[in-house]
Amino acid sequence: MPTTTPSLARLVLVLDKLLSLADTHERDELARYRQLAFSFLTYDTAVSRLMASLGIQCEMRLETLEWVTKEFGLPPRASRPSSHTHQANRQRTARLVNQHFFINDPRMACDELNHAIDKAAFSLHFYDNLMEASAMPALTPVLSAIIKQKRTEHAVLVDYLDNFAERQREASSA
């Protein structure tokens, strides 16, 4: 006669993995938005502030994910043993260091904004997939809120690029 313990253990492992994936993803997003905020600082402080604000949203999602981790009685992310943690941090830092960066012309700015939009779409898709993979109904409200935030993030970036491109056209025709 099967017991429910193996399936409960499997759910906890799946939950731990989902939260770990979300945490890693948000940390990457945070690093990317911080880099973009820094990159735009000398070219357009409004874009820099937008990217910094999106980074702050990542920080808030990380706090939410940490809260969920505690609520489910899982060990905090920082204390989880991982053989890949130090390597992942080094790779993340290396990616940032190897990027060129200060935005210095409108074309580069538009390229970076387009890239940010693509990454925001990927992030939304990532969370949609996490939601589908989640077997824990208790996680649904958190993932739903994150997905809503990611949709808004994507829409804000698209709108900002449209307005930015329009301002660039007006400036070049003046």
Protein backbone atom coordinates (compact mmCIF):
# COMPACT_ATOMS: atom_id res chain seq x y z
CA MET A 1 0.00 0.00 0.00
CA PRO A 2 1.65 3.27 -1.13
CA THR A 3 2.03 6.10 1.31
CA THR A 4 1.73 9.81 0.61
CA THR A 5 5.19 10.53 1.99
CA PRO A 6 7.07 9.96 -1.29
CA SER A 7 4.74 12.24 -3.21
CA LEU A 8 4.95 14.87 -0.46
CA ALA A 9 8.74 14.62 -0.52
CA ARG A 10 8.66 14.90 -4.30
CA LEU A 11 6.47 18.03 -4.05
CA VAL A 12 8.88 19.61 -1.57
CA LEU A 13 11.82 18.85 -3.85
CA VAL A 14 9.94 20.26 -6.82
CA LEU A 15 8.98 23.33 -4.81
CA ASP A 16 12.58 23.80 -3.69
CA LYS A 17 13.77 23.49 -7.29
CA LEU A 18 11.13 25.91 -8.61
CA LEU A 19 12.00 28.48 -5.96
CA SER A 20 15.70 28.00 -6.65
CA LEU A 21 15.16 28.53 -10.39
CA ALA A 22 13.09 31.65 -9.74
CA ASP A 23 15.70 32.99 -7.33
CA THR A 24 18.56 32.44 -9.78
CA HIS A 25 16.55 33.98 -12.60
CA GLU A 26 15.71 37.09 -10.56
CA ARG A 27 19.33 37.50 -9.49
CA ASP A 28 20.36 37.45 -13.15
CA GLU A 29 17.61 39.95 -13.97
CA LEU A 30 18.73 42.20 -11.12
CA ALA A 31 22.35 42.13 -12.33
CA ARG A 32 21.22 42.90 -15.89
CA TYR A 33 19.03 45.85 -14.87
CA ARG A 34 21.78 47.25 -12.66
CA GLN A 35 24.22 47.03 -15.56
CA LEU A 36 21.73 48.74 -17.87
CA ALA A 37 21.12 51.50 -15.32
CA PHE A 38 24.86 52.07 -15.14
CA SER A 39 25.27 51.89 -18.93
CA PHE A 40 22.61 54.52 -19.62
CA LEU A 41 23.76 56.84 -16.84
CA THR A 42 25.92 59.06 -19.07
CA TYR A 43 23.56 58.98 -22.06
CA ASP A 44 20.01 59.27 -20.70
CA THR A 45 19.34 59.49 -16.99
CA ALA A 46 15.62 58.81 -17.51
CA VAL A 47 16.39 55.39 -19.01
CA SER A 48 18.95 54.82 -16.27
CA ARG A 49 16.30 55.53 -13.63
CA LEU A 50 13.83 53.22 -15.38
CA MET A 51 16.35 50.38 -15.38
CA ALA A 52 17.21 51.05 -11.73
CA SER A 53 13.49 50.93 -10.89
CA LEU A 54 13.14 47.60 -12.69
CA GLY A 55 16.12 46.36 -10.69
CA ILE A 56 14.37 47.40 -7.48
CA GLN A 57 11.36 45.36 -8.59
CA CYS A 58 13.70 42.36 -8.94
CA GLU A 59 14.92 42.95 -5.38
CA MET A 60 11.33 42.97 -4.17
CA ARG A 61 10.59 39.70 -5.98
CA LEU A 62 13.69 38.17 -4.41
CA GLU A 63 12.38 39.19 -0.99
CA THR A 64 9.03 37.59 -1.83
CA LEU A 65 10.72 34.38 -2.95
CA GLU A 66 12.72 34.32 0.28
CA TRP A 67 9.52 34.80 2.28
CA VAL A 68 7.86 31.90 0.42
CA THR A 69 10.92 29.76 1.08
CA LYS A 70 10.60 30.47 4.81
CA GLU A 71 6.84 29.89 4.78
CA PHE A 72 7.35 26.40 3.37
CA GLY A 73 10.08 25.65 5.88
CA LEU A 74 12.81 25.33 3.28
CA PRO A 75 16.37 26.42 4.05
CA PRO A 76 17.16 29.99 3.01
CA ARG A 77 18.79 30.30 -0.41
CA ALA A 78 21.98 31.75 1.06
CA SER A 79 22.53 28.73 3.31
CA ARG A 80 21.74 26.07 0.74
CA PRO A 81 24.82 24.13 -0.21
CA SER A 82 25.52 24.38 -3.91
CA SER A 83 28.59 23.41 -5.82
CA HIS A 84 27.57 25.80 -8.57
CA THR A 85 26.91 28.93 -6.51
CA HIS A 86 30.43 30.35 -6.58
CA GLN A 87 30.92 29.40 -10.22
CA ALA A 88 27.59 30.97 -11.19
CA ASN A 89 28.48 34.20 -9.36
CA ARG A 90 31.86 34.34 -11.11
CA GLN A 91 30.24 33.76 -14.49
CA ARG A 92 27.60 36.43 -13.85
CA THR A 93 30.31 38.93 -12.85
CA ALA A 94 32.45 38.00 -15.86
CA ARG A 95 29.51 38.59 -18.22
CA LEU A 96 29.00 42.05 -16.77
CA VAL A 97 32.67 42.97 -16.85
CA ASN A 98 33.09 41.78 -20.45
CA GLN A 99 30.24 43.92 -21.74
CA HIS A 100 31.15 47.24 -23.35
CA PHE A 101 29.44 49.94 -21.68
CA PHE A 102 28.48 53.25 -21.73
CA ILE A 103 25.69 53.98 -24.15
CA ASN A 104 26.92 56.76 -26.41
CA ASP A 105 24.53 57.07 -29.33
CA PRO A 106 20.85 56.67 -30.18
CA ARG A 107 21.35 53.47 -32.19
CA MET A 108 23.17 51.76 -29.32
CA ALA A 109 20.47 52.96 -26.92
CA CYS A 110 17.70 51.54 -29.13
CA ASP A 111 19.60 48.26 -29.52
CA GLU A 112 19.96 47.93 -25.76
CA LEU A 113 16.31 48.80 -25.17
CA ASN A 114 15.27 46.20 -27.78
CA HIS A 115 17.48 43.66 -26.07
CA ALA A 116 15.90 44.54 -22.71
CA ILE A 117 12.45 44.00 -24.26
CA ASP A 118 13.53 40.59 -25.57
CA LYS A 119 14.87 39.65 -22.14
CA ALA A 120 11.66 40.84 -20.47
CA ALA A 121 9.63 38.67 -22.87
CA PHE A 122 11.88 35.71 -22.06
CA SER A 123 11.44 36.38 -18.34
CA LEU A 124 7.66 36.44 -18.70
CA HIS A 125 7.81 33.15 -20.62
CA PHE A 126 10.09 31.69 -17.94
CA TYR A 127 7.57 32.46 -15.19
CA ASP A 128 4.68 31.19 -17.30
CA ASN A 129 6.57 27.90 -17.57
CA LEU A 130 7.27 27.85 -13.83
CA MET A 131 3.58 28.33 -13.20
CA GLU A 132 2.75 25.39 -15.47
CA ALA A 133 5.38 23.24 -13.78
CA SER A 134 4.21 24.06 -10.27
CA ALA A 135 2.32 21.29 -8.50
CA MET A 136 1.80 23.44 -5.41
CA PRO A 137 -1.46 25.42 -5.39
CA ALA A 138 -0.04 27.54 -2.57
CA LEU A 139 2.60 28.86 -4.99
CA THR A 140 0.03 29.96 -7.57
CA PRO A 141 -0.74 33.41 -6.04
CA VAL A 142 2.95 34.30 -5.84
CA LEU A 143 3.70 33.17 -9.39
CA SER A 144 0.55 34.89 -10.67
CA ALA A 145 1.67 38.16 -9.08
CA ILE A 146 5.15 37.81 -10.57
CA ILE A 147 3.69 37.06 -14.01
CA LYS A 148 1.51 40.17 -13.76
CA GLN A 149 4.58 42.23 -12.81
CA LYS A 150 6.55 40.74 -15.71
CA ARG A 151 3.77 41.57 -18.17
CA THR A 152 3.77 45.14 -16.89
CA GLU A 153 7.58 45.28 -17.07
CA HIS A 154 7.50 44.15 -20.70
CA ALA A 155 4.75 46.63 -21.60
CA VAL A 156 6.59 49.50 -19.90
CA LEU A 157 9.77 48.71 -21.83
CA VAL A 158 7.91 48.47 -25.15
CA ASP A 159 6.14 51.77 -24.48
CA TYR A 160 9.36 53.41 -23.37
CA LEU A 161 11.18 52.28 -26.52
CA ASP A 162 8.35 53.61 -28.69
CA ASN A 163 8.50 56.99 -26.95
CA PHE A 164 12.31 56.98 -26.99
CA ALA A 165 12.40 56.22 -30.73
CA GLU A 166 9.83 58.94 -31.40
CA ARG A 167 11.91 61.48 -29.45
CA GLN A 168 14.99 60.44 -31.41
CA ARG A 169 13.16 60.93 -34.73
CA GLU A 170 11.92 64.35 -33.63
CA ALA A 171 15.40 65.37 -32.51
CA SER A 172 17.00 64.26 -35.78
CA SER A 173 14.42 66.06 -37.92
CA ALA A 174 14.68 69.30 -35.97
